[in-house]
Amino acid sequence: MLFKKKPSPALSYDPAAVIPVIRASICTGEKAAGFQETAGGRFHEVMLIRSDKDLAEFRRKYGIKGEIKTVY
């Protein structure tokens, strides 16, 4: 290939202020990845998760390692 896409650097977030979570709907099974504020519990959606590939992209994009909590 003549032109390759360079991987974008990981975006940052403040682990002291927010934690990465997956919000899942009990009724539809729809999942959304985002960050939940530790102080108020407010959820900020970043992307929709349709497959394991989307979840892997979320982890890579934000440099998340380890377990991600799922909330319903």
N, C-alpha and C. Protein backbone atom coordinates (compact mmCIF):
# COMPACT_ATOMS: atom_id res chain seq x y z
N MET A 1 0.84 -1.18 0.00
CA MET A 1 0.00 0.00 0.00
C MET A 1 0.87 1.23 0.00
N LEU A 2 0.47 2.17 -0.76
CA LEU A 2 1.23 3.39 -0.87
C LEU A 2 0.99 4.32 0.32
N PHE A 3 -0.28 4.43 0.70
CA PHE A 3 -0.62 5.30 1.83
C PHE A 3 -1.26 4.46 2.92
N LYS A 4 -0.66 4.49 4.09
CA LYS A 4 -1.22 3.78 5.24
C LYS A 4 -1.75 4.78 6.24
N LYS A 5 -2.81 4.39 6.87
CA LYS A 5 -3.38 5.23 7.92
C LYS A 5 -2.55 5.07 9.19
N LYS A 6 -2.11 6.16 9.74
CA LYS A 6 -1.38 6.10 11.01
C LYS A 6 -2.37 5.92 12.14
N PRO A 7 -2.05 5.05 13.10
CA PRO A 7 -2.97 4.91 14.23
C PRO A 7 -3.01 6.20 15.04
N SER A 8 -4.23 6.59 15.38
CA SER A 8 -4.36 7.83 16.14
C SER A 8 -3.95 7.58 17.59
N PRO A 9 -3.37 8.58 18.24
CA PRO A 9 -2.96 8.39 19.64
C PRO A 9 -4.19 8.24 20.53
N ALA A 10 -4.02 7.58 21.64
CA ALA A 10 -5.12 7.37 22.57
C ALA A 10 -5.60 8.70 23.14
N LEU A 11 -6.91 8.85 23.20
CA LEU A 11 -7.49 10.03 23.82
C LEU A 11 -7.39 9.87 25.33
N SER A 12 -7.41 10.96 26.03
CA SER A 12 -7.23 10.86 27.47
C SER A 12 -8.54 11.17 28.20
N TYR A 13 -8.63 10.65 29.40
CA TYR A 13 -9.73 10.94 30.30
C TYR A 13 -9.16 10.95 31.71
N ASP A 14 -9.85 11.57 32.63
CA ASP A 14 -9.37 11.69 34.01
C ASP A 14 -9.95 10.55 34.85
N PRO A 15 -9.13 9.53 35.17
CA PRO A 15 -9.63 8.40 35.96
C PRO A 15 -10.11 8.79 37.35
N ALA A 16 -9.70 9.94 37.86
CA ALA A 16 -10.16 10.38 39.18
C ALA A 16 -11.58 10.94 39.10
N ALA A 17 -11.97 11.47 37.93
CA ALA A 17 -13.27 12.10 37.79
C ALA A 17 -14.31 11.20 37.12
N VAL A 18 -13.88 10.32 36.21
CA VAL A 18 -14.82 9.46 35.48
C VAL A 18 -14.26 8.04 35.37
N ILE A 19 -15.18 7.07 35.22
CA ILE A 19 -14.77 5.68 35.00
C ILE A 19 -15.42 5.19 33.70
N PRO A 20 -14.72 4.36 32.93
CA PRO A 20 -15.32 3.81 31.71
C PRO A 20 -16.37 2.75 32.06
N VAL A 21 -17.54 2.84 31.43
CA VAL A 21 -18.62 1.88 31.66
C VAL A 21 -19.31 1.54 30.35
N ILE A 22 -19.98 0.39 30.34
CA ILE A 22 -20.85 0.00 29.25
C ILE A 22 -22.26 0.09 29.80
N ARG A 23 -23.12 0.87 29.16
CA ARG A 23 -24.51 0.97 29.58
C ARG A 23 -25.33 0.07 28.66
N ALA A 24 -26.02 -0.91 29.24
CA ALA A 24 -26.80 -1.87 28.47
C ALA A 24 -28.27 -1.76 28.83
N SER A 25 -29.12 -1.88 27.81
CA SER A 25 -30.56 -1.86 28.01
C SER A 25 -31.04 -3.28 28.30
N ILE A 26 -31.83 -3.45 29.33
CA ILE A 26 -32.37 -4.76 29.67
C ILE A 26 -33.39 -5.18 28.61
N CYS A 27 -34.18 -4.25 28.11
CA CYS A 27 -35.26 -4.58 27.16
C CYS A 27 -34.73 -4.91 25.77
N THR A 28 -33.91 -4.04 25.21
CA THR A 28 -33.49 -4.19 23.81
C THR A 28 -32.12 -4.83 23.64
N GLY A 29 -31.32 -4.81 24.69
CA GLY A 29 -29.97 -5.35 24.59
C GLY A 29 -28.98 -4.39 23.96
N GLU A 30 -29.42 -3.17 23.66
CA GLU A 30 -28.53 -2.17 23.07
C GLU A 30 -27.46 -1.78 24.08
N LYS A 31 -26.23 -1.61 23.59
CA LYS A 31 -25.12 -1.25 24.48
C LYS A 31 -24.46 0.04 23.98
N ALA A 32 -24.06 0.86 24.94
CA ALA A 32 -23.35 2.10 24.64
C ALA A 32 -22.15 2.20 25.56
N ALA A 33 -21.02 2.61 25.01
CA ALA A 33 -19.81 2.80 25.80
C ALA A 33 -19.67 4.28 26.12
N GLY A 34 -19.15 4.54 27.30
CA GLY A 34 -18.95 5.93 27.68
C GLY A 34 -18.29 6.02 29.04
N PHE A 35 -18.46 7.16 29.66
CA PHE A 35 -17.83 7.42 30.95
C PHE A 35 -18.88 7.90 31.94
N GLN A 36 -18.76 7.41 33.18
CA GLN A 36 -19.66 7.79 34.25
C GLN A 36 -18.90 8.62 35.27
N GLU A 37 -19.47 9.76 35.64
CA GLU A 37 -18.84 10.61 36.64
C GLU A 37 -18.86 9.91 37.99
N THR A 38 -17.74 9.96 38.69
CA THR A 38 -17.67 9.31 40.00
C THR A 38 -18.45 10.10 41.05
N ALA A 39 -18.50 11.42 40.91
CA ALA A 39 -19.17 12.25 41.90
C ALA A 39 -20.69 12.20 41.76
N GLY A 40 -21.22 12.47 40.59
CA GLY A 40 -22.66 12.55 40.42
C GLY A 40 -23.30 11.34 39.78
N GLY A 41 -22.52 10.49 39.14
CA GLY A 41 -23.06 9.31 38.50
C GLY A 41 -23.62 9.55 37.11
N ARG A 42 -23.45 10.75 36.59
CA ARG A 42 -23.96 11.08 35.25
C ARG A 42 -23.17 10.32 34.18
N PHE A 43 -23.88 9.79 33.17
CA PHE A 43 -23.26 9.00 32.10
C PHE A 43 -23.09 9.86 30.85
N HIS A 44 -21.89 9.82 30.26
CA HIS A 44 -21.59 10.53 29.01
C HIS A 44 -21.31 9.48 27.94
N GLU A 45 -22.23 9.34 26.99
CA GLU A 45 -22.08 8.32 25.94
C GLU A 45 -21.04 8.76 24.92
N VAL A 46 -20.18 7.82 24.53
CA VAL A 46 -19.14 8.08 23.54
C VAL A 46 -19.46 7.39 22.22
N MET A 47 -19.84 6.10 22.32
CA MET A 47 -20.13 5.36 21.09
C MET A 47 -21.07 4.19 21.35
N LEU A 48 -21.76 3.77 20.29
CA LEU A 48 -22.64 2.61 20.34
C LEU A 48 -21.81 1.35 20.14
N ILE A 49 -22.10 0.32 20.92
CA ILE A 49 -21.37 -0.95 20.81
C ILE A 49 -22.28 -1.97 20.12
N ARG A 50 -21.93 -2.33 18.90
CA ARG A 50 -22.71 -3.32 18.15
C ARG A 50 -22.02 -4.67 18.09
N SER A 51 -20.70 -4.69 18.30
CA SER A 51 -19.96 -5.95 18.24
C SER A 51 -18.71 -5.86 19.12
N ASP A 52 -18.00 -6.97 19.21
CA ASP A 52 -16.75 -6.98 19.97
C ASP A 52 -15.71 -6.06 19.33
N LYS A 53 -15.81 -5.88 18.02
CA LYS A 53 -14.90 -4.99 17.31
C LYS A 53 -15.07 -3.54 17.78
N ASP A 54 -16.33 -3.13 18.00
CA ASP A 54 -16.59 -1.78 18.50
C ASP A 54 -16.04 -1.59 19.91
N LEU A 55 -16.19 -2.63 20.74
CA LEU A 55 -15.66 -2.56 22.11
C LEU A 55 -14.14 -2.47 22.10
N ALA A 56 -13.50 -3.25 21.21
CA ALA A 56 -12.05 -3.19 21.08
C ALA A 56 -11.60 -1.81 20.61
N GLU A 57 -12.36 -1.19 19.73
CA GLU A 57 -12.04 0.16 19.25
C GLU A 57 -12.15 1.17 20.39
N PHE A 58 -13.18 1.05 21.23
CA PHE A 58 -13.35 1.93 22.39
C PHE A 58 -12.16 1.80 23.33
N ARG A 59 -11.75 0.56 23.60
CA ARG A 59 -10.59 0.32 24.47
C ARG A 59 -9.31 0.93 23.88
N ARG A 60 -9.10 0.72 22.58
CA ARG A 60 -7.89 1.22 21.92
C ARG A 60 -7.90 2.75 21.89
N LYS A 61 -9.04 3.32 21.57
CA LYS A 61 -9.16 4.78 21.43
C LYS A 61 -8.83 5.52 22.72
N TYR A 62 -9.24 4.93 23.86
CA TYR A 62 -9.03 5.60 25.15
C TYR A 62 -7.95 4.94 25.99
N GLY A 63 -7.29 3.91 25.49
CA GLY A 63 -6.21 3.26 26.22
C GLY A 63 -6.68 2.55 27.47
N ILE A 64 -7.85 1.92 27.40
CA ILE A 64 -8.43 1.26 28.57
C ILE A 64 -7.96 -0.19 28.63
N LYS A 65 -7.43 -0.56 29.78
CA LYS A 65 -7.00 -1.94 30.02
C LYS A 65 -7.78 -2.45 31.22
N GLY A 66 -8.03 -3.74 31.24
CA GLY A 66 -8.76 -4.32 32.36
C GLY A 66 -10.25 -4.39 32.10
N GLU A 67 -10.97 -4.66 33.16
CA GLU A 67 -12.41 -4.86 33.09
C GLU A 67 -13.16 -3.54 32.99
N ILE A 68 -14.24 -3.53 32.18
CA ILE A 68 -15.11 -2.36 32.08
C ILE A 68 -16.44 -2.75 32.72
N LYS A 69 -16.88 -1.96 33.68
CA LYS A 69 -18.12 -2.21 34.41
C LYS A 69 -19.33 -2.03 33.48
N THR A 70 -20.32 -2.92 33.61
CA THR A 70 -21.56 -2.80 32.85
C THR A 70 -22.67 -2.36 33.80
N VAL A 71 -23.39 -1.31 33.40
CA VAL A 71 -24.53 -0.81 34.20
C VAL A 71 -25.79 -0.97 33.37
N TYR A 72 -26.90 -1.22 34.05
CA TYR A 72 -28.20 -1.43 33.39
C TYR A 72 -29.16 -0.34 33.70
